[in-house]
Amino acid sequence: MNNNLNVIESTSQTSQILRHLKECQGITQAEALSFYGCSRLAPRIHELRKMGLPIVTERIVVGRKKKNVARYSLPSLTDGQK
């Protein structure tokens, strides 16, 4: 990570997503919308990746309709817990 992470303090959704990634196993679009009102998670993830965070995208199946969605996580924070 680099010092550009300080820049995200001005972007509240991005800082909320970063905090969630650090504290939880990961986040999906539905969770981002429900918890933080973030209707476009992918651009927030892109911003964090540009700042040097090694965010991983995993495709998961959810719901009765077996919908394929992206789940984003920070592997360095979650690998030891799996």
C-alpha atoms as a PDB file:
ATOM      1  CA  MET A   1       0.000   0.000   0.000  1.00  0.00           C
ATOM      2  CA  ASN A   2       1.084   3.532  -0.589  1.00  0.00           C
ATOM      3  CA  ASN A   3       0.381   6.927   0.927  1.00  0.00           C
ATOM      4  CA  ASN A   4      -2.424   7.588  -1.572  1.00  0.00           C
ATOM      5  CA  LEU A   5      -4.790   5.827   0.835  1.00  0.00           C
ATOM      6  CA  ASN A   6      -5.065   9.125   2.700  1.00  0.00           C
ATOM      7  CA  VAL A   7      -6.831  10.568  -0.353  1.00  0.00           C
ATOM      8  CA  ILE A   8      -9.855   8.325   0.153  1.00  0.00           C
ATOM      9  CA  GLU A   9     -10.868  10.146   3.316  1.00  0.00           C
ATOM     10  CA  SER A  10     -12.613  12.669   1.055  1.00  0.00           C
ATOM     11  CA  THR A  11     -14.596   9.881  -0.638  1.00  0.00           C
ATOM     12  CA  SER A  12     -16.846   8.516   2.072  1.00  0.00           C
ATOM     13  CA  GLN A  13     -18.161   5.499   0.159  1.00  0.00           C
ATOM     14  CA  THR A  14     -14.665   4.446  -0.795  1.00  0.00           C
ATOM     15  CA  SER A  15     -13.452   4.772   2.804  1.00  0.00           C
ATOM     16  CA  GLN A  16     -16.479   2.825   4.036  1.00  0.00           C
ATOM     17  CA  ILE A  17     -15.795   0.047   1.512  1.00  0.00           C
ATOM     18  CA  LEU A  18     -12.131  -0.060   2.551  1.00  0.00           C
ATOM     19  CA  ARG A  19     -13.075  -0.313   6.218  1.00  0.00           C
ATOM     20  CA  HIS A  20     -15.537  -3.110   5.404  1.00  0.00           C
ATOM     21  CA  LEU A  21     -12.871  -5.024   3.449  1.00  0.00           C
ATOM     22  CA  LYS A  22     -10.468  -4.731   6.380  1.00  0.00           C
ATOM     23  CA  GLU A  23     -13.024  -5.809   8.993  1.00  0.00           C
ATOM     24  CA  CYS A  24     -15.057  -8.446   7.108  1.00  0.00           C
ATOM     25  CA  GLN A  25     -14.544 -11.413   4.789  1.00  0.00           C
ATOM     26  CA  GLY A  26     -15.493  -9.444   1.686  1.00  0.00           C
ATOM     27  CA  ILE A  27     -18.295  -7.469   0.074  1.00  0.00           C
ATOM     28  CA  THR A  28     -20.795  -7.884  -2.753  1.00  0.00           C
ATOM     29  CA  GLN A  29     -22.740  -5.234  -4.661  1.00  0.00           C
ATOM     30  CA  ALA A  30     -25.910  -6.049  -2.688  1.00  0.00           C
ATOM     31  CA  GLU A  31     -24.052  -5.618   0.621  1.00  0.00           C
ATOM     32  CA  ALA A  32     -22.486  -2.333  -0.517  1.00  0.00           C
ATOM     33  CA  LEU A  33     -25.908  -1.010  -1.490  1.00  0.00           C
ATOM     34  CA  SER A  34     -27.576  -2.208   1.707  1.00  0.00           C
ATOM     35  CA  PHE A  35     -24.880  -1.098   4.166  1.00  0.00           C
ATOM     36  CA  TYR A  36     -23.481   2.053   2.526  1.00  0.00           C
ATOM     37  CA  GLY A  37     -25.916   3.139  -0.199  1.00  0.00           C
ATOM     38  CA  CYS A  38     -23.230   2.414  -2.797  1.00  0.00           C
ATOM     39  CA  SER A  39     -25.011   1.551  -6.049  1.00  0.00           C
ATOM     40  CA  ARG A  40     -21.773   1.197  -8.054  1.00  0.00           C
ATOM     41  CA  LEU A  41     -19.268  -0.926  -6.146  1.00  0.00           C
ATOM     42  CA  ALA A  42     -16.965  -1.762  -9.086  1.00  0.00           C
ATOM     43  CA  PRO A  43     -15.712   1.849  -9.524  1.00  0.00           C
ATOM     44  CA  ARG A  44     -14.982   2.082  -5.775  1.00  0.00           C
ATOM     45  CA  ILE A  45     -13.006  -1.181  -5.973  1.00  0.00           C
ATOM     46  CA  HIS A  46     -11.157   0.183  -9.013  1.00  0.00           C
ATOM     47  CA  GLU A  47     -10.177   3.304  -7.034  1.00  0.00           C
ATOM     48  CA  LEU A  48      -8.823   1.155  -4.195  1.00  0.00           C
ATOM     49  CA  ARG A  49      -6.871  -1.047  -6.613  1.00  0.00           C
ATOM     50  CA  LYS A  50      -5.315   2.046  -8.216  1.00  0.00           C
ATOM     51  CA  MET A  51      -4.075   2.956  -4.727  1.00  0.00           C
ATOM     52  CA  GLY A  52      -2.224  -0.339  -4.499  1.00  0.00           C
ATOM     53  CA  LEU A  53      -4.623  -2.587  -2.585  1.00  0.00           C
ATOM     54  CA  PRO A  54      -4.498  -6.244  -3.724  1.00  0.00           C
ATOM     55  CA  ILE A  55      -8.274  -6.725  -3.908  1.00  0.00           C
ATOM     56  CA  VAL A  56      -9.356 -10.111  -5.268  1.00  0.00           C
ATOM     57  CA  THR A  57     -12.570 -10.753  -7.198  1.00  0.00           C
ATOM     58  CA  GLU A  58     -14.315 -14.069  -6.617  1.00  0.00           C
ATOM     59  CA  ARG A  59     -17.433 -15.116  -8.550  1.00  0.00           C
ATOM     60  CA  ILE A  60     -20.115 -16.604  -6.264  1.00  0.00           C
ATOM     61  CA  VAL A  61     -23.652 -17.901  -6.805  1.00  0.00           C
ATOM     62  CA  VAL A  62     -26.401 -16.420  -4.608  1.00  0.00           C
ATOM     63  CA  GLY A  63     -30.155 -16.630  -4.185  1.00  0.00           C
ATOM     64  CA  ARG A  64     -32.880 -18.895  -5.427  1.00  0.00           C
ATOM     65  CA  LYS A  65     -32.290 -17.813  -9.001  1.00  0.00           C
ATOM     66  CA  LYS A  66     -28.617 -18.862  -8.720  1.00  0.00           C
ATOM     67  CA  LYS A  67     -27.361 -15.411  -9.672  1.00  0.00           C
ATOM     68  CA  ASN A  68     -23.606 -15.138 -10.363  1.00  0.00           C
ATOM     69  CA  VAL A  69     -22.145 -12.066  -8.587  1.00  0.00           C
ATOM     70  CA  ALA A  70     -18.723 -10.674  -7.703  1.00  0.00           C
ATOM     71  CA  ARG A  71     -17.417 -10.767  -4.139  1.00  0.00           C
ATOM     72  CA  TYR A  72     -14.412  -8.553  -3.411  1.00  0.00           C
ATOM     73  CA  SER A  73     -11.924  -9.254  -0.615  1.00  0.00           C
ATOM     74  CA  LEU A  74      -8.464  -8.445   0.678  1.00  0.00           C
ATOM     75  CA  PRO A  75      -6.638 -11.798   0.631  1.00  0.00           C
ATOM     76  CA  SER A  76      -3.892 -10.726   3.027  1.00  0.00           C
ATOM     77  CA  LEU A  77      -6.550 -10.135   5.682  1.00  0.00           C
ATOM     78  CA  THR A  78      -8.752 -13.160   5.008  1.00  0.00           C
ATOM     79  CA  ASP A  79      -6.359 -15.992   4.010  1.00  0.00           C
ATOM     80  CA  GLY A  80      -5.503 -16.936   7.559  1.00  0.00           C
ATOM     81  CA  GLN A  81      -9.164 -17.200   8.523  1.00  0.00           C
ATOM     82  CA  LYS A  82     -10.260 -19.687   5.828  1.00  0.00           C
END
